[in-house]
Amino acid sequence: MQPPSIIAASSVGAAANGLFTTKPIPHLMDQLQRITKIELDYLIACQQRMESLLNKSLTPHPTLQIPTKHNPMEEGNDKPLTPTDVEGVSKMIAAEQAHAQS
């Protein structure tokens, strides 16, 4: 499991990387490293794993059916496809690492 500080700092880097795909922010990860005192290699590796997981989870599934009409009765039954807290992200990264090692 990754510490929340690595996940948070890497999330900032991944978000900035996603926003500014045409022009990278060269010193952002260096600044995050100085602020958090986390080794740059760990931040970059975590950011890359996050981006990889997001790309996989955002790719449309061929058998996934998208509803065409909104049904208010179904509200509350939907579960998010992506994790919504630090622990969930950490578990996803750990699972991805275990899968990559096997």
C-alpha atoms as a PDB file:
ATOM      1  CA  MET A   1       0.000   0.000   0.000  1.00  0.00           C
ATOM      2  CA  GLN A   2       1.182   3.485  -0.816  1.00  0.00           C
ATOM      3  CA  PRO A   3       1.164   6.195   1.844  1.00  0.00           C
ATOM      4  CA  PRO A   4      -1.530   8.837   1.330  1.00  0.00           C
ATOM      5  CA  SER A   5       1.127  11.524   0.797  1.00  0.00           C
ATOM      6  CA  ILE A   6       2.533   9.718  -2.252  1.00  0.00           C
ATOM      7  CA  ILE A   7      -0.942   9.143  -3.677  1.00  0.00           C
ATOM      8  CA  ALA A   8      -1.960  12.763  -3.100  1.00  0.00           C
ATOM      9  CA  ALA A   9       1.201  14.259  -4.600  1.00  0.00           C
ATOM     10  CA  SER A  10       1.115  11.860  -7.555  1.00  0.00           C
ATOM     11  CA  SER A  11      -2.555  12.682  -8.109  1.00  0.00           C
ATOM     12  CA  VAL A  12      -1.686  16.359  -8.437  1.00  0.00           C
ATOM     13  CA  GLY A  13       0.986  15.468 -10.986  1.00  0.00           C
ATOM     14  CA  ALA A  14      -1.351  13.154 -12.912  1.00  0.00           C
ATOM     15  CA  ALA A  15      -4.114  15.769 -12.950  1.00  0.00           C
ATOM     16  CA  ALA A  16      -1.761  18.475 -14.193  1.00  0.00           C
ATOM     17  CA  ASN A  17      -0.374  16.087 -16.792  1.00  0.00           C
ATOM     18  CA  GLY A  18      -3.914  15.357 -17.989  1.00  0.00           C
ATOM     19  CA  LEU A  19      -4.818  19.027 -18.159  1.00  0.00           C
ATOM     20  CA  PHE A  20      -1.717  20.177 -19.949  1.00  0.00           C
ATOM     21  CA  THR A  21      -1.090  17.352 -22.400  1.00  0.00           C
ATOM     22  CA  THR A  22       0.133  19.693 -25.132  1.00  0.00           C
ATOM     23  CA  LYS A  23       2.649  21.468 -22.909  1.00  0.00           C
ATOM     24  CA  PRO A  24       4.143  19.513 -19.988  1.00  0.00           C
ATOM     25  CA  ILE A  25       4.900  21.190 -16.689  1.00  0.00           C
ATOM     26  CA  PRO A  26       8.585  20.283 -16.285  1.00  0.00           C
ATOM     27  CA  HIS A  27       9.157  21.381 -12.725  1.00  0.00           C
ATOM     28  CA  LEU A  28       5.889  20.328 -11.102  1.00  0.00           C
ATOM     29  CA  MET A  29       7.115  16.934  -9.900  1.00  0.00           C
ATOM     30  CA  ASP A  30      10.345  18.546  -8.659  1.00  0.00           C
ATOM     31  CA  GLN A  31       8.294  21.047  -6.670  1.00  0.00           C
ATOM     32  CA  LEU A  32       6.082  18.281  -5.268  1.00  0.00           C
ATOM     33  CA  GLN A  33       9.199  16.359  -4.279  1.00  0.00           C
ATOM     34  CA  ARG A  34      10.612  19.370  -2.436  1.00  0.00           C
ATOM     35  CA  ILE A  35       7.311  20.008  -0.650  1.00  0.00           C
ATOM     36  CA  THR A  36       6.616  16.410   0.376  1.00  0.00           C
ATOM     37  CA  LYS A  37      10.220  15.156   0.761  1.00  0.00           C
ATOM     38  CA  ILE A  38       9.238  12.015  -1.171  1.00  0.00           C
ATOM     39  CA  GLU A  39      11.766  10.622  -3.626  1.00  0.00           C
ATOM     40  CA  LEU A  40      11.046  11.773  -7.162  1.00  0.00           C
ATOM     41  CA  ASP A  41      11.225   8.232  -8.538  1.00  0.00           C
ATOM     42  CA  TYR A  42       8.400   7.119  -6.211  1.00  0.00           C
ATOM     43  CA  LEU A  43       6.228  10.079  -7.204  1.00  0.00           C
ATOM     44  CA  ILE A  44       6.731   9.524 -10.914  1.00  0.00           C
ATOM     45  CA  ALA A  45       6.178   5.754 -10.665  1.00  0.00           C
ATOM     46  CA  CYS A  46       2.966   6.243  -8.687  1.00  0.00           C
ATOM     47  CA  GLN A  47       1.775   8.908 -11.147  1.00  0.00           C
ATOM     48  CA  GLN A  48       2.405   6.583 -14.089  1.00  0.00           C
ATOM     49  CA  ARG A  49       0.548   3.701 -12.394  1.00  0.00           C
ATOM     50  CA  MET A  50      -2.359   6.028 -11.649  1.00  0.00           C
ATOM     51  CA  GLU A  51      -2.530   7.244 -15.229  1.00  0.00           C
ATOM     52  CA  SER A  52      -2.370   3.665 -16.487  1.00  0.00           C
ATOM     53  CA  LEU A  53      -5.196   2.579 -14.178  1.00  0.00           C
ATOM     54  CA  LEU A  54      -7.282   5.593 -15.157  1.00  0.00           C
ATOM     55  CA  ASN A  55      -6.760   4.890 -18.844  1.00  0.00           C
ATOM     56  CA  LYS A  56      -7.906   1.296 -18.307  1.00  0.00           C
ATOM     57  CA  SER A  57     -10.937   2.302 -16.240  1.00  0.00           C
ATOM     58  CA  LEU A  58     -11.984   5.084 -18.619  1.00  0.00           C
ATOM     59  CA  THR A  59     -11.777   2.909 -21.720  1.00  0.00           C
ATOM     60  CA  PRO A  60     -15.327   1.951 -22.694  1.00  0.00           C
ATOM     61  CA  HIS A  61     -16.116  -1.676 -22.072  1.00  0.00           C
ATOM     62  CA  PRO A  62     -17.527  -3.356 -25.194  1.00  0.00           C
ATOM     63  CA  THR A  63     -20.411  -5.009 -23.326  1.00  0.00           C
ATOM     64  CA  LEU A  64     -21.260  -1.985 -21.202  1.00  0.00           C
ATOM     65  CA  GLN A  65     -24.665  -0.622 -22.079  1.00  0.00           C
ATOM     66  CA  ILE A  66     -25.132   3.106 -21.627  1.00  0.00           C
ATOM     67  CA  PRO A  67     -28.693   4.021 -20.625  1.00  0.00           C
ATOM     68  CA  THR A  68     -30.399   6.378 -23.041  1.00  0.00           C
ATOM     69  CA  LYS A  69     -32.999   7.736 -20.630  1.00  0.00           C
ATOM     70  CA  HIS A  70     -32.571   8.981 -17.089  1.00  0.00           C
ATOM     71  CA  ASN A  71     -34.676   7.065 -14.600  1.00  0.00           C
ATOM     72  CA  PRO A  72     -34.897   8.844 -11.206  1.00  0.00           C
ATOM     73  CA  MET A  73     -35.955   5.573  -9.558  1.00  0.00           C
ATOM     74  CA  GLU A  74     -32.522   4.130 -10.308  1.00  0.00           C
ATOM     75  CA  GLU A  75     -30.639   6.905  -8.517  1.00  0.00           C
ATOM     76  CA  GLY A  76     -28.710   5.674  -5.526  1.00  0.00           C
ATOM     77  CA  ASN A  77     -28.145   2.278  -7.145  1.00  0.00           C
ATOM     78  CA  ASP A  78     -25.161   3.504  -9.147  1.00  0.00           C
ATOM     79  CA  LYS A  79     -21.720   2.806  -7.733  1.00  0.00           C
ATOM     80  CA  PRO A  80     -18.761   4.807  -8.977  1.00  0.00           C
ATOM     81  CA  LEU A  81     -16.424   2.970 -11.341  1.00  0.00           C
ATOM     82  CA  THR A  82     -13.383   4.753  -9.933  1.00  0.00           C
ATOM     83  CA  PRO A  83     -12.307   4.900  -6.294  1.00  0.00           C
ATOM     84  CA  THR A  84     -13.441   7.941  -4.380  1.00  0.00           C
ATOM     85  CA  ASP A  85     -11.006   7.905  -1.461  1.00  0.00           C
ATOM     86  CA  VAL A  86      -7.278   7.506  -0.845  1.00  0.00           C
ATOM     87  CA  GLU A  87      -7.690   3.974   0.504  1.00  0.00           C
ATOM     88  CA  GLY A  88      -9.511   2.899  -2.645  1.00  0.00           C
ATOM     89  CA  VAL A  89      -6.774   4.323  -4.871  1.00  0.00           C
ATOM     90  CA  SER A  90      -4.120   2.650  -2.748  1.00  0.00           C
ATOM     91  CA  LYS A  91      -5.910  -0.712  -3.050  1.00  0.00           C
ATOM     92  CA  MET A  92      -6.170  -0.290  -6.828  1.00  0.00           C
ATOM     93  CA  ILE A  93      -2.448   0.444  -7.094  1.00  0.00           C
ATOM     94  CA  ALA A  94      -1.582  -2.532  -4.861  1.00  0.00           C
ATOM     95  CA  ALA A  95      -3.786  -4.825  -6.950  1.00  0.00           C
ATOM     96  CA  GLU A  96      -2.194  -3.551 -10.167  1.00  0.00           C
ATOM     97  CA  GLN A  97       1.292  -4.152  -8.737  1.00  0.00           C
ATOM     98  CA  ALA A  98       0.365  -7.692  -7.649  1.00  0.00           C
ATOM     99  CA  HIS A  99      -1.104  -8.388 -11.088  1.00  0.00           C
ATOM    100  CA  ALA A 100       2.008  -7.016 -12.845  1.00  0.00           C
ATOM    101  CA  GLN A 101       4.307  -9.177 -10.713  1.00  0.00           C
ATOM    102  CA  SER A 102       2.402 -12.391 -11.413  1.00  0.00           C
END
